[in-house]
């Protein structure tokens, strides 16, 4: 049995979505959603690394 993940909506300016779609397609993303999920995963990874360093202080 496959469970679907819950989803939320995020509002972003139209111009940002248009740029993400344009550049995303150039770099192999199929949609703004795919681009945005990847960007969020990458940023969260960066913040987790910073958080670990800050906790060691």
Protein backbone atom coordinates (compact mmCIF):
# COMPACT_ATOMS: atom_id res chain seq x y z
CA UNK A 1 0.00 0.00 0.00
CA UNK A 2 1.39 3.42 -0.99
CA UNK A 3 0.65 6.39 1.27
CA UNK A 4 0.41 9.82 -0.32
CA UNK A 5 2.20 12.66 1.41
CA UNK A 6 0.11 15.53 2.66
CA UNK A 7 0.55 18.68 0.63
CA UNK A 8 0.42 22.41 1.31
CA UNK A 9 0.14 25.38 -1.00
CA UNK A 10 2.78 28.10 -1.03
CA UNK A 11 2.23 31.45 -2.66
CA UNK A 12 5.11 33.05 -4.54
CA UNK A 13 5.21 36.06 -6.84
CA UNK A 14 4.25 35.22 -10.42
CA UNK A 15 7.54 36.59 -11.76
CA UNK A 16 9.48 34.24 -9.48
CA UNK A 17 7.44 31.25 -10.66
CA UNK A 18 7.95 32.26 -14.30
CA UNK A 19 11.71 32.52 -13.83
CA UNK A 20 11.81 29.18 -12.00
CA UNK A 21 9.88 27.57 -14.86
CA UNK A 22 12.10 29.10 -17.55
CA UNK A 23 15.44 28.30 -15.89
CA UNK A 24 14.21 25.07 -14.41
CA UNK A 25 13.33 23.68 -17.84
CA UNK A 26 16.80 24.65 -19.08
CA UNK A 27 18.31 22.54 -16.31
CA UNK A 28 16.04 19.52 -16.56
CA UNK A 29 13.22 20.30 -14.14
CA UNK A 30 9.79 19.33 -15.43
CA UNK A 31 7.82 21.86 -13.39
CA UNK A 32 7.97 24.75 -10.96
CA UNK A 33 6.91 22.29 -8.26
CA UNK A 34 9.86 19.99 -8.95
CA UNK A 35 12.25 22.97 -9.04
CA UNK A 36 10.84 24.40 -5.81
CA UNK A 37 10.99 21.08 -3.94
CA UNK A 38 14.64 20.63 -4.94
CA UNK A 39 15.49 24.22 -3.95
CA UNK A 40 13.82 23.76 -0.57
CA UNK A 41 15.58 20.46 0.09
CA UNK A 42 18.95 22.03 -0.75
CA UNK A 43 18.34 25.10 1.43
CA UNK A 44 17.11 23.00 4.36
CA UNK A 45 20.25 20.87 4.09
CA UNK A 46 22.39 24.04 4.25
CA UNK A 47 20.49 25.32 7.29
CA UNK A 48 20.79 21.97 9.08
CA UNK A 49 24.58 22.12 8.62
CA UNK A 50 24.66 25.67 10.02
CA UNK A 51 22.44 24.60 12.91
CA UNK A 52 24.86 21.79 13.83
CA UNK A 53 27.80 24.22 13.86
CA UNK A 54 25.86 26.72 15.98
CA UNK A 55 24.88 24.04 18.50
CA UNK A 56 28.55 23.12 18.99
CA UNK A 57 29.40 26.68 20.10
